[in-house]
Amino acid sequence: MTQITKQGGESDLVQVSLSALEHYAYCPRQCGLILLEDAFEDDAATVRGTLLHQRVDTPGNRGRHTIRTLHALPVWHDHYGLTGICDTVELHADGRILPIEHKSGRYHPGGPADIQAAAQAMCLEEMFRRPVPEAAVYSTADRKRHPITVDNTLRARVVELAGTVRALLTTAHLPPPVADARCRNCSMATSCMPKLLTGTRRYQQALTDLYRTHHPTEDA
C-alpha cells in the first residue's frame, strides 16, 4: 500500500499526487489498485510512456531566446494537499508560466490529462504567487501541443478529485471494477479482472453476504 504522508501546518492534509488525480479520473479502481495494493503492470503503451518520461524527467533548466525551460520540477499546493512533478515548465520573459504534461498516447480533449495539467498549473500558482491560467498537454502520438484553459470548472474538478483520492487513501476501500471500454486500453486489466468480478453470480452473492447483518439466532 502507498505510504500515507501528511503535510505540516494547520490543514494537516493527506498529500495526493498529481498522477493519482489522472488515474482516478480515468478509472477509480485503477487508482485504487496502484495506491492501495502497489499494483502496476506494463504494456506497450506504458513502456512508451516510461521511455518518454526518461527523456523529459531529467532535472535541469535550459534557455531558449526569451523562454527558460525547467524539467522535472517538483511542485506542491499546501492548501489543497497536492504534490507532484511537472514534466516541463516554461518561464516566459513576459512573466507567463506554462506547465506542459507529456503523454505518449493520443490526446483526448477534456480527458484525465487535462486534470493533471490543470493541477500542475494550480501548484505553480501557489509556488510563484502569480496566475497560471493556461497549461498544455504534449502528445507524441500526433506531435502536437494541446492548450488547456485552466478555468473555474476545471479547478473545481481538481479540488473535488483531490478530496476523493484522499478519502480513498484514508479508508483503504478499493473501488469496484467497471468492465467497460476503458478496460481494453488498461495495462492492469489482468490484475483487476473486471469481467470476472462484475459478471459472475458468485461475485454478486459475495457482495450481498459481505454487507448482510448476521444474527446469532440464525445458527441456532
C-alpha atoms as a PDB file:
ATOM      1  CA  MET A   1       0.000   0.000   0.000  1.00  0.00           C
ATOM      2  CA  THR A   2       1.233   3.501  -0.794  1.00  0.00           C
ATOM      3  CA  GLN A   3       2.505   5.213   2.344  1.00  0.00           C
ATOM      4  CA  ILE A   4       0.168   7.949   3.521  1.00  0.00           C
ATOM      5  CA  THR A   5       2.020  11.200   4.098  1.00  0.00           C
ATOM      6  CA  LYS A   6       0.713  14.343   5.725  1.00  0.00           C
ATOM      7  CA  GLN A   7       1.961  17.854   5.268  1.00  0.00           C
ATOM      8  CA  GLY A   8       2.605  20.152   8.139  1.00  0.00           C
ATOM      9  CA  GLY A   9       0.583  23.220   9.004  1.00  0.00           C
ATOM     10  CA  GLU A  10      -2.922  23.790  10.206  1.00  0.00           C
ATOM     11  CA  SER A  11      -4.660  21.755   7.486  1.00  0.00           C
ATOM     12  CA  ASP A  12      -2.638  18.562   8.105  1.00  0.00           C
ATOM     13  CA  LEU A  13      -3.964  17.089   4.853  1.00  0.00           C
ATOM     14  CA  VAL A  14      -3.003  13.708   3.466  1.00  0.00           C
ATOM     15  CA  GLN A  15      -0.983  14.504   0.364  1.00  0.00           C
ATOM     16  CA  VAL A  16      -2.376  13.493  -3.008  1.00  0.00           C
ATOM     17  CA  SER A  17      -0.079  13.053  -6.001  1.00  0.00           C
ATOM     18  CA  LEU A  18      -0.952  14.756  -9.259  1.00  0.00           C
ATOM     19  CA  SER A  19      -0.619  11.461 -11.132  1.00  0.00           C
ATOM     20  CA  ALA A  20      -3.223   9.916  -8.805  1.00  0.00           C
ATOM     21  CA  LEU A  21      -5.713  12.551  -9.926  1.00  0.00           C
ATOM     22  CA  GLU A  22      -5.269  11.445 -13.528  1.00  0.00           C
ATOM     23  CA  HIS A  23      -5.519   7.755 -12.640  1.00  0.00           C
ATOM     24  CA  TYR A  24      -8.730   8.303 -10.678  1.00  0.00           C
ATOM     25  CA  ALA A  25     -10.242  10.458 -13.423  1.00  0.00           C
ATOM     26  CA  TYR A  26      -9.609   7.614 -15.871  1.00  0.00           C
ATOM     27  CA  CYS A  27     -10.754   4.799 -13.572  1.00  0.00           C
ATOM     28  CA  PRO A  28     -11.225   4.823  -9.778  1.00  0.00           C
ATOM     29  CA  ARG A  29     -10.347   1.132  -9.487  1.00  0.00           C
ATOM     30  CA  GLN A  30      -7.111   1.593 -11.427  1.00  0.00           C
ATOM     31  CA  CYS A  31      -6.166   4.354  -8.998  1.00  0.00           C
ATOM     32  CA  GLY A  32      -7.102   2.174  -6.032  1.00  0.00           C
ATOM     33  CA  LEU A  33      -5.028  -0.763  -7.238  1.00  0.00           C
ATOM     34  CA  ILE A  34      -1.981   1.471  -7.663  1.00  0.00           C
ATOM     35  CA  LEU A  35      -2.317   3.343  -4.360  1.00  0.00           C
ATOM     36  CA  LEU A  36      -3.677   0.630  -2.076  1.00  0.00           C
ATOM     37  CA  GLU A  37      -2.072  -2.528  -3.469  1.00  0.00           C
ATOM     38  CA  ASP A  38       1.054  -1.115  -5.145  1.00  0.00           C
ATOM     39  CA  ALA A  39      -0.073  -2.848  -8.321  1.00  0.00           C
ATOM     40  CA  PHE A  40       1.146  -1.748 -11.721  1.00  0.00           C
ATOM     41  CA  GLU A  41       1.639  -3.663 -14.943  1.00  0.00           C
ATOM     42  CA  ASP A  42       3.378  -2.557 -18.118  1.00  0.00           C
ATOM     43  CA  ASP A  43       2.113  -2.898 -21.643  1.00  0.00           C
ATOM     44  CA  ALA A  44       3.309  -1.322 -24.876  1.00  0.00           C
ATOM     45  CA  ALA A  45       1.649   1.997 -24.046  1.00  0.00           C
ATOM     46  CA  THR A  46       3.105   2.286 -20.533  1.00  0.00           C
ATOM     47  CA  VAL A  47       6.584   1.323 -21.774  1.00  0.00           C
ATOM     48  CA  ARG A  48       6.382   4.099 -24.369  1.00  0.00           C
ATOM     49  CA  GLY A  49       5.333   6.481 -21.625  1.00  0.00           C
ATOM     50  CA  THR A  50       8.220   5.412 -19.408  1.00  0.00           C
ATOM     51  CA  LEU A  51      10.747   5.932 -22.195  1.00  0.00           C
ATOM     52  CA  LEU A  52       9.239   9.329 -22.974  1.00  0.00           C
ATOM     53  CA  HIS A  53       9.490  10.484 -19.365  1.00  0.00           C
ATOM     54  CA  GLN A  54      13.073   9.282 -19.106  1.00  0.00           C
ATOM     55  CA  ARG A  55      13.863  11.947 -21.688  1.00  0.00           C
ATOM     56  CA  VAL A  56      11.850  14.781 -20.129  1.00  0.00           C
ATOM     57  CA  ASP A  57      12.142  13.962 -16.422  1.00  0.00           C
ATOM     58  CA  THR A  58      15.842  14.713 -16.084  1.00  0.00           C
ATOM     59  CA  PRO A  59      16.052  17.698 -13.707  1.00  0.00           C
ATOM     60  CA  GLY A  60      17.538  20.828 -15.184  1.00  0.00           C
ATOM     61  CA  ASN A  61      16.818  24.061 -16.997  1.00  0.00           C
ATOM     62  CA  ARG A  62      17.543  25.421 -20.427  1.00  0.00           C
ATOM     63  CA  GLY A  63      17.310  28.838 -22.001  1.00  0.00           C
ATOM     64  CA  ARG A  64      15.973  29.455 -25.490  1.00  0.00           C
ATOM     65  CA  HIS A  65      15.584  33.044 -26.668  1.00  0.00           C
ATOM     66  CA  THR A  66      13.077  34.577 -24.215  1.00  0.00           C
ATOM     67  CA  ILE A  67      11.917  31.271 -22.691  1.00  0.00           C
ATOM     68  CA  ARG A  68      13.513  29.418 -19.806  1.00  0.00           C
ATOM     69  CA  THR A  69      12.534  25.738 -19.705  1.00  0.00           C
ATOM     70  CA  LEU A  70      12.554  23.683 -16.497  1.00  0.00           C
ATOM     71  CA  HIS A  71      12.348  19.888 -16.470  1.00  0.00           C
ATOM     72  CA  ALA A  72      11.205  17.520 -13.705  1.00  0.00           C
ATOM     73  CA  LEU A  73      10.209  20.399 -11.453  1.00  0.00           C
ATOM     74  CA  PRO A  74       8.780  19.340  -8.052  1.00  0.00           C
ATOM     75  CA  VAL A  75       5.560  21.225  -7.295  1.00  0.00           C
ATOM     76  CA  TRP A  76       3.043  21.352  -4.463  1.00  0.00           C
ATOM     77  CA  HIS A  77      -0.038  23.146  -3.171  1.00  0.00           C
ATOM     78  CA  ASP A  78      -0.239  23.361   0.625  1.00  0.00           C
ATOM     79  CA  HIS A  79      -3.884  24.432   0.796  1.00  0.00           C
ATOM     80  CA  TYR A  80      -5.194  21.577  -1.356  1.00  0.00           C
ATOM     81  CA  GLY A  81      -2.637  18.999  -0.234  1.00  0.00           C
ATOM     82  CA  LEU A  82      -1.262  18.324  -3.719  1.00  0.00           C
ATOM     83  CA  THR A  83       2.232  17.253  -4.672  1.00  0.00           C
ATOM     84  CA  GLY A  84       3.940  16.046  -7.823  1.00  0.00           C
ATOM     85  CA  ILE A  85       6.427  16.720 -10.586  1.00  0.00           C
ATOM     86  CA  CYS A  86       5.932  18.767 -13.737  1.00  0.00           C
ATOM     87  CA  ASP A  87       7.476  17.252 -16.863  1.00  0.00           C
ATOM     88  CA  THR A  88       8.181  20.681 -18.343  1.00  0.00           C
ATOM     89  CA  VAL A  89       7.563  24.243 -17.197  1.00  0.00           C
ATOM     90  CA  GLU A  90       8.195  27.207 -19.468  1.00  0.00           C
ATOM     91  CA  LEU A  91       9.021  30.576 -17.902  1.00  0.00           C
ATOM     92  CA  HIS A  92       8.401  33.304 -20.449  1.00  0.00           C
ATOM     93  CA  ALA A  93      10.012  36.745 -20.460  1.00  0.00           C
ATOM     94  CA  ASP A  94       6.607  38.418 -20.108  1.00  0.00           C
ATOM     95  CA  GLY A  95       6.011  36.574 -16.828  1.00  0.00           C
ATOM     96  CA  ARG A  96       3.853  33.788 -18.249  1.00  0.00           C
ATOM     97  CA  ILE A  97       4.254  30.341 -16.675  1.00  0.00           C
ATOM     98  CA  LEU A  98       3.196  27.332 -18.744  1.00  0.00           C
ATOM     99  CA  PRO A  99       3.222  23.743 -17.433  1.00  0.00           C
ATOM    100  CA  ILE A 100       3.414  21.078 -20.151  1.00  0.00           C
ATOM    101  CA  GLU A 101       2.442  17.475 -19.423  1.00  0.00           C
ATOM    102  CA  HIS A 102       3.936  14.927 -21.835  1.00  0.00           C
ATOM    103  CA  LYS A 103       1.855  11.929 -22.931  1.00  0.00           C
ATOM    104  CA  SER A 104       2.806   9.106 -25.260  1.00  0.00           C
ATOM    105  CA  GLY A 105      -0.765   8.342 -26.312  1.00  0.00           C
ATOM    106  CA  ARG A 106      -3.386  10.238 -28.236  1.00  0.00           C
ATOM    107  CA  TYR A 107      -4.788  13.369 -26.619  1.00  0.00           C
ATOM    108  CA  HIS A 108      -8.458  13.393 -25.633  1.00  0.00           C
ATOM    109  CA  PRO A 109      -9.910  16.886 -25.017  1.00  0.00           C
ATOM    110  CA  GLY A 110     -11.444  17.153 -21.575  1.00  0.00           C
ATOM    111  CA  GLY A 111      -9.835  13.862 -20.523  1.00  0.00           C
ATOM    112  CA  PRO A 112      -7.781  12.865 -17.481  1.00  0.00           C
ATOM    113  CA  ALA A 113      -4.626  14.523 -18.796  1.00  0.00           C
ATOM    114  CA  ASP A 114      -6.369  17.894 -18.554  1.00  0.00           C
ATOM    115  CA  ILE A 115      -6.934  17.267 -14.843  1.00  0.00           C
ATOM    116  CA  GLN A 116      -3.261  16.588 -14.219  1.00  0.00           C
ATOM    117  CA  ALA A 117      -2.094  19.585 -16.243  1.00  0.00           C
ATOM    118  CA  ALA A 118      -4.582  21.889 -14.501  1.00  0.00           C
ATOM    119  CA  ALA A 119      -3.409  20.642 -11.102  1.00  0.00           C
ATOM    120  CA  GLN A 120       0.157  21.471 -12.114  1.00  0.00           C
ATOM    121  CA  ALA A 121      -0.938  24.999 -13.001  1.00  0.00           C
ATOM    122  CA  MET A 122      -2.631  25.405  -9.615  1.00  0.00           C
ATOM    123  CA  CYS A 123       0.519  24.232  -7.826  1.00  0.00           C
ATOM    124  CA  LEU A 124       2.669  26.656  -9.796  1.00  0.00           C
ATOM    125  CA  GLU A 125       0.315  29.488  -8.858  1.00  0.00           C
ATOM    126  CA  GLU A 126       0.848  28.613  -5.208  1.00  0.00           C
ATOM    127  CA  MET A 127       4.608  28.478  -5.583  1.00  0.00           C
ATOM    128  CA  PHE A 128       5.217  31.503  -7.827  1.00  0.00           C
ATOM    129  CA  ARG A 129       2.380  33.633  -6.411  1.00  0.00           C
ATOM    130  CA  ARG A 130       1.088  34.597  -9.841  1.00  0.00           C
ATOM    131  CA  PRO A 131      -1.792  33.446 -12.066  1.00  0.00           C
ATOM    132  CA  VAL A 132      -1.284  30.427 -14.325  1.00  0.00           C
ATOM    133  CA  PRO A 133      -4.426  30.439 -16.472  1.00  0.00           C
ATOM    134  CA  GLU A 134      -3.165  28.004 -19.090  1.00  0.00           C
ATOM    135  CA  ALA A 135      -1.465  24.633 -19.360  1.00  0.00           C
ATOM    136  CA  ALA A 136      -0.698  22.241 -22.189  1.00  0.00           C
ATOM    137  CA  VAL A 137      -0.540  18.536 -22.966  1.00  0.00           C
ATOM    138  CA  TYR A 138       2.053  17.416 -25.497  1.00  0.00           C
ATOM    139  CA  SER A 139       1.082  14.222 -27.294  1.00  0.00           C
ATOM    140  CA  THR A 140       3.832  12.246 -29.029  1.00  0.00           C
ATOM    141  CA  ALA A 141       1.132  10.400 -30.977  1.00  0.00           C
ATOM    142  CA  ASP A 142       0.430  13.485 -33.094  1.00  0.00           C
ATOM    143  CA  ARG A 143       3.484  15.529 -32.041  1.00  0.00           C
ATOM    144  CA  LYS A 144       1.308  18.450 -31.080  1.00  0.00           C
ATOM    145  CA  ARG A 145       0.951  20.675 -28.052  1.00  0.00           C
ATOM    146  CA  HIS A 146      -2.685  20.904 -26.980  1.00  0.00           C
ATOM    147  CA  PRO A 147      -3.535  24.065 -24.987  1.00  0.00           C
ATOM    148  CA  ILE A 148      -5.797  23.880 -21.923  1.00  0.00           C
ATOM    149  CA  THR A 149      -7.662  26.741 -20.315  1.00  0.00           C
ATOM    150  CA  VAL A 150      -7.481  26.325 -16.537  1.00  0.00           C
ATOM    151  CA  ASP A 151     -10.923  27.769 -15.822  1.00  0.00           C
ATOM    152  CA  ASN A 152     -13.035  27.623 -12.666  1.00  0.00           C
ATOM    153  CA  THR A 153     -14.816  24.448 -13.760  1.00  0.00           C
ATOM    154  CA  LEU A 154     -11.550  22.587 -14.250  1.00  0.00           C
ATOM    155  CA  ARG A 155     -10.144  23.913 -10.975  1.00  0.00           C
ATOM    156  CA  ALA A 156     -13.235  22.734  -9.108  1.00  0.00           C
ATOM    157  CA  ARG A 157     -12.816  19.296 -10.675  1.00  0.00           C
ATOM    158  CA  VAL A 158      -9.212  19.131  -9.460  1.00  0.00           C
ATOM    159  CA  VAL A 159     -10.224  20.026  -5.902  1.00  0.00           C
ATOM    160  CA  GLU A 160     -13.104  17.518  -5.978  1.00  0.00           C
ATOM    161  CA  LEU A 161     -10.874  14.703  -7.212  1.00  0.00           C
ATOM    162  CA  ALA A 162      -8.196  15.536  -4.643  1.00  0.00           C
ATOM    163  CA  GLY A 163     -10.762  15.070  -1.875  1.00  0.00           C
ATOM    164  CA  THR A 164     -11.998  11.805  -3.409  1.00  0.00           C
ATOM    165  CA  VAL A 165      -8.493  10.348  -3.755  1.00  0.00           C
ATOM    166  CA  ARG A 166      -7.691  11.450  -0.204  1.00  0.00           C
ATOM    167  CA  ALA A 167     -10.762   9.569   1.031  1.00  0.00           C
ATOM    168  CA  LEU A 168      -9.602   6.525  -0.912  1.00  0.00           C
ATOM    169  CA  LEU A 169      -6.230   6.645   0.829  1.00  0.00           C
ATOM    170  CA  THR A 170      -7.666   7.077   4.316  1.00  0.00           C
ATOM    171  CA  THR A 171     -10.453   4.483   4.061  1.00  0.00           C
ATOM    172  CA  ALA A 172      -8.400   1.973   2.007  1.00  0.00           C
ATOM    173  CA  HIS A 173     -11.597   0.895   0.261  1.00  0.00           C
ATOM    174  CA  LEU A 174     -10.884  -0.483  -3.224  1.00  0.00           C
ATOM    175  CA  PRO A 175     -13.439   0.779  -5.782  1.00  0.00           C
ATOM    176  CA  PRO A 176     -15.376  -1.871  -7.722  1.00  0.00           C
ATOM    177  CA  PRO A 177     -14.427  -2.761 -11.320  1.00  0.00           C
ATOM    178  CA  VAL A 178     -16.193  -1.058 -14.199  1.00  0.00           C
ATOM    179  CA  ALA A 179     -15.887  -3.583 -17.065  1.00  0.00           C
ATOM    180  CA  ASP A 180     -16.396  -1.109 -19.900  1.00  0.00           C
ATOM    181  CA  ALA A 181     -14.492   0.278 -22.897  1.00  0.00           C
ATOM    182  CA  ARG A 182     -11.752   1.694 -20.662  1.00  0.00           C
ATOM    183  CA  CYS A 183     -10.582  -1.807 -19.780  1.00  0.00           C
ATOM    184  CA  ARG A 184      -9.407  -2.543 -23.333  1.00  0.00           C
ATOM    185  CA  ASN A 185      -6.732   0.144 -23.031  1.00  0.00           C
ATOM    186  CA  CYS A 186      -5.748  -0.543 -19.427  1.00  0.00           C
ATOM    187  CA  SER A 187      -2.495  -2.355 -18.674  1.00  0.00           C
ATOM    188  CA  MET A 188      -3.936  -3.534 -15.339  1.00  0.00           C
ATOM    189  CA  ALA A 189      -6.878  -5.495 -16.737  1.00  0.00           C
ATOM    190  CA  THR A 190      -5.262  -8.792 -15.698  1.00  0.00           C
ATOM    191  CA  SER A 191      -4.893  -7.747 -12.056  1.00  0.00           C
ATOM    192  CA  CYS A 192      -8.269  -6.024 -11.995  1.00  0.00           C
ATOM    193  CA  MET A 193     -10.252  -8.906 -13.584  1.00  0.00           C
ATOM    194  CA  PRO A 194     -13.189  -6.608 -14.392  1.00  0.00           C
ATOM    195  CA  LYS A 195     -15.319  -9.014 -16.417  1.00  0.00           C
ATOM    196  CA  LEU A 196     -14.811 -11.887 -13.995  1.00  0.00           C
ATOM    197  CA  LEU A 197     -15.682  -9.833 -10.936  1.00  0.00           C
ATOM    198  CA  THR A 198     -18.675  -7.997 -12.355  1.00  0.00           C
ATOM    199  CA  GLY A 199     -20.186 -10.768 -14.431  1.00  0.00           C
ATOM    200  CA  THR A 200     -20.486 -13.729 -12.087  1.00  0.00           C
ATOM    201  CA  ARG A 201     -23.266 -14.631  -9.694  1.00  0.00           C
ATOM    202  CA  ARG A 202     -20.640 -15.731  -7.152  1.00  0.00           C
ATOM    203  CA  TYR A 203     -19.172 -12.223  -7.003  1.00  0.00           C
ATOM    204  CA  GLN A 204     -22.581 -10.604  -6.648  1.00  0.00           C
ATOM    205  CA  GLN A 205     -23.512 -13.060  -3.918  1.00  0.00           C
ATOM    206  CA  ALA A 206     -20.248 -12.359  -2.109  1.00  0.00           C
ATOM    207  CA  LEU A 207     -21.048  -8.643  -2.121  1.00  0.00           C
ATOM    208  CA  THR A 208     -24.504  -9.336  -0.736  1.00  0.00           C
ATOM    209  CA  ASP A 209     -23.135 -11.572   2.017  1.00  0.00           C
ATOM    210  CA  LEU A 210     -20.458  -9.037   2.891  1.00  0.00           C
ATOM    211  CA  TYR A 211     -22.992  -6.383   3.864  1.00  0.00           C
ATOM    212  CA  ARG A 212     -25.659  -8.686   5.311  1.00  0.00           C
ATOM    213  CA  THR A 213     -26.282  -8.341   9.044  1.00  0.00           C
ATOM    214  CA  HIS A 214     -25.575 -11.601  10.844  1.00  0.00           C
ATOM    215  CA  HIS A 215     -27.750 -12.641  13.757  1.00  0.00           C
ATOM    216  CA  PRO A 216     -26.540 -15.390  16.134  1.00  0.00           C
ATOM    217  CA  THR A 217     -30.044 -16.860  16.272  1.00  0.00           C
ATOM    218  CA  GLU A 218     -29.697 -17.848  12.601  1.00  0.00           C
ATOM    219  CA  ASP A 219     -27.172 -20.536  13.575  1.00  0.00           C
ATOM    220  CA  ALA A 220     -29.294 -21.911  16.438  1.00  0.00           C
END
